[in-house]
Amino acid sequence: MNNTQNGFGNNQDVQLEQELANLRNQYEQLRDQKVRTEQQVADLSSRLDALKEQAQAEYGTSDPAELQALLQKKRQENEQVVAEYSQHVRKIQADLAAVENRVDGDQ
């Protein structure tokens, strides 16, 4: 008696067919995922190139370390401007208070 005659072959064949179908399905999903991932990489690479061109045009460099240094320099400059402006406003307030004190003292 061979495997097909005793019923084992049919059950085994069905299991193999199911496994093969599952593997095909997994393969198709992986292939689709690969295509999507490749498209995303291409899109991101294109965006990166555009951003590099923009940085080069606006800041004279597209090197991340140089851009970081420029950013830090601009932040320091902004802090200095804010400190100077704050000092200027305090001086105006002090001058105004002095004028008000003189006016109040004259009355």
C-alpha atoms as a PDB file:
ATOM      1  CA  MET A   1       0.000   0.000   0.000  1.00  0.00           C
ATOM      2  CA  ASN A   2       1.503   3.364  -1.032  1.00  0.00           C
ATOM      3  CA  ASN A   3       0.946   6.795   0.537  1.00  0.00           C
ATOM      4  CA  THR A   4      -1.831   7.854  -1.849  1.00  0.00           C
ATOM      5  CA  GLN A   5      -3.714   4.638  -1.217  1.00  0.00           C
ATOM      6  CA  ASN A   6      -3.615   4.930   2.566  1.00  0.00           C
ATOM      7  CA  GLY A   7      -4.726   8.600   2.606  1.00  0.00           C
ATOM      8  CA  PHE A   8      -1.478  10.091   3.859  1.00  0.00           C
ATOM      9  CA  GLY A   9      -0.432  11.385   0.449  1.00  0.00           C
ATOM     10  CA  ASN A  10      -3.584  13.435  -0.072  1.00  0.00           C
ATOM     11  CA  ASN A  11      -3.340  15.084   3.350  1.00  0.00           C
ATOM     12  CA  GLN A  12       0.347  15.762   2.854  1.00  0.00           C
ATOM     13  CA  ASP A  13      -0.286  17.143  -0.636  1.00  0.00           C
ATOM     14  CA  VAL A  14      -2.986  19.480   0.704  1.00  0.00           C
ATOM     15  CA  GLN A  15      -0.645  20.748   3.426  1.00  0.00           C
ATOM     16  CA  LEU A  16       2.107  21.365   0.902  1.00  0.00           C
ATOM     17  CA  GLU A  17      -0.313  23.204  -1.396  1.00  0.00           C
ATOM     18  CA  GLN A  18      -1.441  25.399   1.508  1.00  0.00           C
ATOM     19  CA  GLU A  19       2.124  26.093   2.552  1.00  0.00           C
ATOM     20  CA  LEU A  20       3.046  26.943  -1.031  1.00  0.00           C
ATOM     21  CA  ALA A  21       0.051  29.282  -1.289  1.00  0.00           C
ATOM     22  CA  ASN A  22       1.043  30.977   1.981  1.00  0.00           C
ATOM     23  CA  LEU A  23       4.622  31.380   0.773  1.00  0.00           C
ATOM     24  CA  ARG A  24       3.443  32.883  -2.517  1.00  0.00           C
ATOM     25  CA  ASN A  25       1.241  35.314  -0.607  1.00  0.00           C
ATOM     26  CA  GLN A  26       4.130  36.303   1.664  1.00  0.00           C
ATOM     27  CA  TYR A  27       6.389  36.721  -1.367  1.00  0.00           C
ATOM     28  CA  GLU A  28       3.878  39.020  -3.083  1.00  0.00           C
ATOM     29  CA  GLN A  29       3.485  41.100   0.075  1.00  0.00           C
ATOM     30  CA  LEU A  30       7.253  41.397   0.448  1.00  0.00           C
ATOM     31  CA  ARG A  31       7.633  42.324  -3.218  1.00  0.00           C
ATOM     32  CA  ASP A  32       4.977  45.035  -2.863  1.00  0.00           C
ATOM     33  CA  GLN A  33       6.636  46.312   0.301  1.00  0.00           C
ATOM     34  CA  LYS A  34      10.006  46.400  -1.483  1.00  0.00           C
ATOM     35  CA  VAL A  35       8.535  48.448  -4.343  1.00  0.00           C
ATOM     36  CA  ARG A  36       6.943  50.912  -1.897  1.00  0.00           C
ATOM     37  CA  THR A  37      10.174  51.195   0.099  1.00  0.00           C
ATOM     38  CA  GLU A  38      12.228  51.795  -3.031  1.00  0.00           C
ATOM     39  CA  GLN A  39       9.802  54.538  -4.083  1.00  0.00           C
ATOM     40  CA  GLN A  40      10.011  56.145  -0.646  1.00  0.00           C
ATOM     41  CA  VAL A  41      13.811  56.066  -0.785  1.00  0.00           C
ATOM     42  CA  ALA A  42      13.742  57.680  -4.221  1.00  0.00           C
ATOM     43  CA  ASP A  43      11.305  60.370  -3.027  1.00  0.00           C
ATOM     44  CA  LEU A  44      13.348  61.100   0.098  1.00  0.00           C
ATOM     45  CA  SER A  45      16.574  61.229  -1.896  1.00  0.00           C
ATOM     46  CA  SER A  46      14.989  63.725  -4.266  1.00  0.00           C
ATOM     47  CA  ARG A  47      13.774  65.867  -1.342  1.00  0.00           C
ATOM     48  CA  LEU A  48      17.211  65.709   0.267  1.00  0.00           C
ATOM     49  CA  ASP A  49      18.850  66.857  -2.960  1.00  0.00           C
ATOM     50  CA  ALA A  50      16.394  69.752  -3.227  1.00  0.00           C
ATOM     51  CA  LEU A  51      17.056  70.763   0.383  1.00  0.00           C
ATOM     52  CA  LYS A  52      20.802  70.598  -0.179  1.00  0.00           C
ATOM     53  CA  GLU A  53      20.451  72.883  -3.201  1.00  0.00           C
ATOM     54  CA  GLN A  54      18.298  75.287  -1.191  1.00  0.00           C
ATOM     55  CA  ALA A  55      20.787  75.337   1.705  1.00  0.00           C
ATOM     56  CA  GLN A  56      23.656  75.892  -0.707  1.00  0.00           C
ATOM     57  CA  ALA A  57      21.840  78.799  -2.335  1.00  0.00           C
ATOM     58  CA  GLU A  58      20.722  80.421   0.921  1.00  0.00           C
ATOM     59  CA  TYR A  59      23.681  79.746   3.217  1.00  0.00           C
ATOM     60  CA  GLY A  60      26.586  78.955   0.901  1.00  0.00           C
ATOM     61  CA  THR A  61      26.884  75.392   2.147  1.00  0.00           C
ATOM     62  CA  SER A  62      24.903  72.193   2.421  1.00  0.00           C
ATOM     63  CA  ASP A  63      27.264  70.527   4.903  1.00  0.00           C
ATOM     64  CA  PRO A  64      25.281  69.662   8.078  1.00  0.00           C
ATOM     65  CA  ALA A  65      28.165  70.563  10.424  1.00  0.00           C
ATOM     66  CA  GLU A  66      28.651  73.939   8.757  1.00  0.00           C
ATOM     67  CA  LEU A  67      24.911  74.602   8.830  1.00  0.00           C
ATOM     68  CA  GLN A  68      24.847  73.725  12.527  1.00  0.00           C
ATOM     69  CA  ALA A  69      27.713  76.155  13.153  1.00  0.00           C
ATOM     70  CA  LEU A  70      25.879  78.884  11.220  1.00  0.00           C
ATOM     71  CA  LEU A  71      22.743  78.231  13.240  1.00  0.00           C
ATOM     72  CA  GLN A  72      24.672  78.496  16.493  1.00  0.00           C
ATOM     73  CA  LYS A  73      26.276  81.748  15.340  1.00  0.00           C
ATOM     74  CA  LYS A  74      22.864  83.203  14.412  1.00  0.00           C
ATOM     75  CA  ARG A  75      21.457  82.183  17.804  1.00  0.00           C
ATOM     76  CA  GLN A  76      24.317  83.950  19.573  1.00  0.00           C
ATOM     77  CA  GLU A  77      23.782  87.040  17.446  1.00  0.00           C
ATOM     78  CA  ASN A  78      20.063  86.983  18.260  1.00  0.00           C
ATOM     79  CA  GLU A  79      20.801  86.634  21.973  1.00  0.00           C
ATOM     80  CA  GLN A  80      23.117  89.656  21.753  1.00  0.00           C
ATOM     81  CA  VAL A  81      20.511  91.731  19.896  1.00  0.00           C
ATOM     82  CA  VAL A  82      17.832  90.816  22.444  1.00  0.00           C
ATOM     83  CA  ALA A  83      20.171  91.689  25.340  1.00  0.00           C
ATOM     84  CA  GLU A  84      21.029  95.050  23.778  1.00  0.00           C
ATOM     85  CA  TYR A  85      17.381  95.804  23.072  1.00  0.00           C
ATOM     86  CA  SER A  86      16.426  94.851  26.613  1.00  0.00           C
ATOM     87  CA  GLN A  87      19.106  97.175  27.962  1.00  0.00           C
ATOM     88  CA  HIS A  88      17.858  99.963  25.682  1.00  0.00           C
ATOM     89  CA  VAL A  89      14.263  99.499  26.896  1.00  0.00           C
ATOM     90  CA  ARG A  90      15.409  99.565  30.550  1.00  0.00           C
ATOM     91  CA  LYS A  91      17.309 102.824  29.890  1.00  0.00           C
ATOM     92  CA  ILE A  92      14.224 104.390  28.308  1.00  0.00           C
ATOM     93  CA  GLN A  93      12.144 103.279  31.296  1.00  0.00           C
ATOM     94  CA  ALA A  94      14.703 104.758  33.690  1.00  0.00           C
ATOM     95  CA  ASP A  95      14.838 108.034  31.740  1.00  0.00           C
ATOM     96  CA  LEU A  96      11.043 108.189  31.675  1.00  0.00           C
ATOM     97  CA  ALA A  97      10.880 107.548  35.413  1.00  0.00           C
ATOM     98  CA  ALA A  98      13.403 110.356  35.982  1.00  0.00           C
ATOM     99  CA  VAL A  99      11.334 112.760  33.872  1.00  0.00           C
ATOM    100  CA  GLU A 100       8.162 111.774  35.725  1.00  0.00           C
ATOM    101  CA  ASN A 101       9.918 112.311  39.069  1.00  0.00           C
ATOM    102  CA  ARG A 102      10.999 115.807  38.010  1.00  0.00           C
ATOM    103  CA  VAL A 103       7.493 116.652  36.832  1.00  0.00           C
ATOM    104  CA  ASP A 104       5.992 115.309  40.034  1.00  0.00           C
ATOM    105  CA  GLY A 105       8.585 117.194  42.074  1.00  0.00           C
ATOM    106  CA  ASP A 106       7.781 120.467  40.347  1.00  0.00           C
ATOM    107  CA  GLN A 107       4.121 120.241  41.207  1.00  0.00           C
END
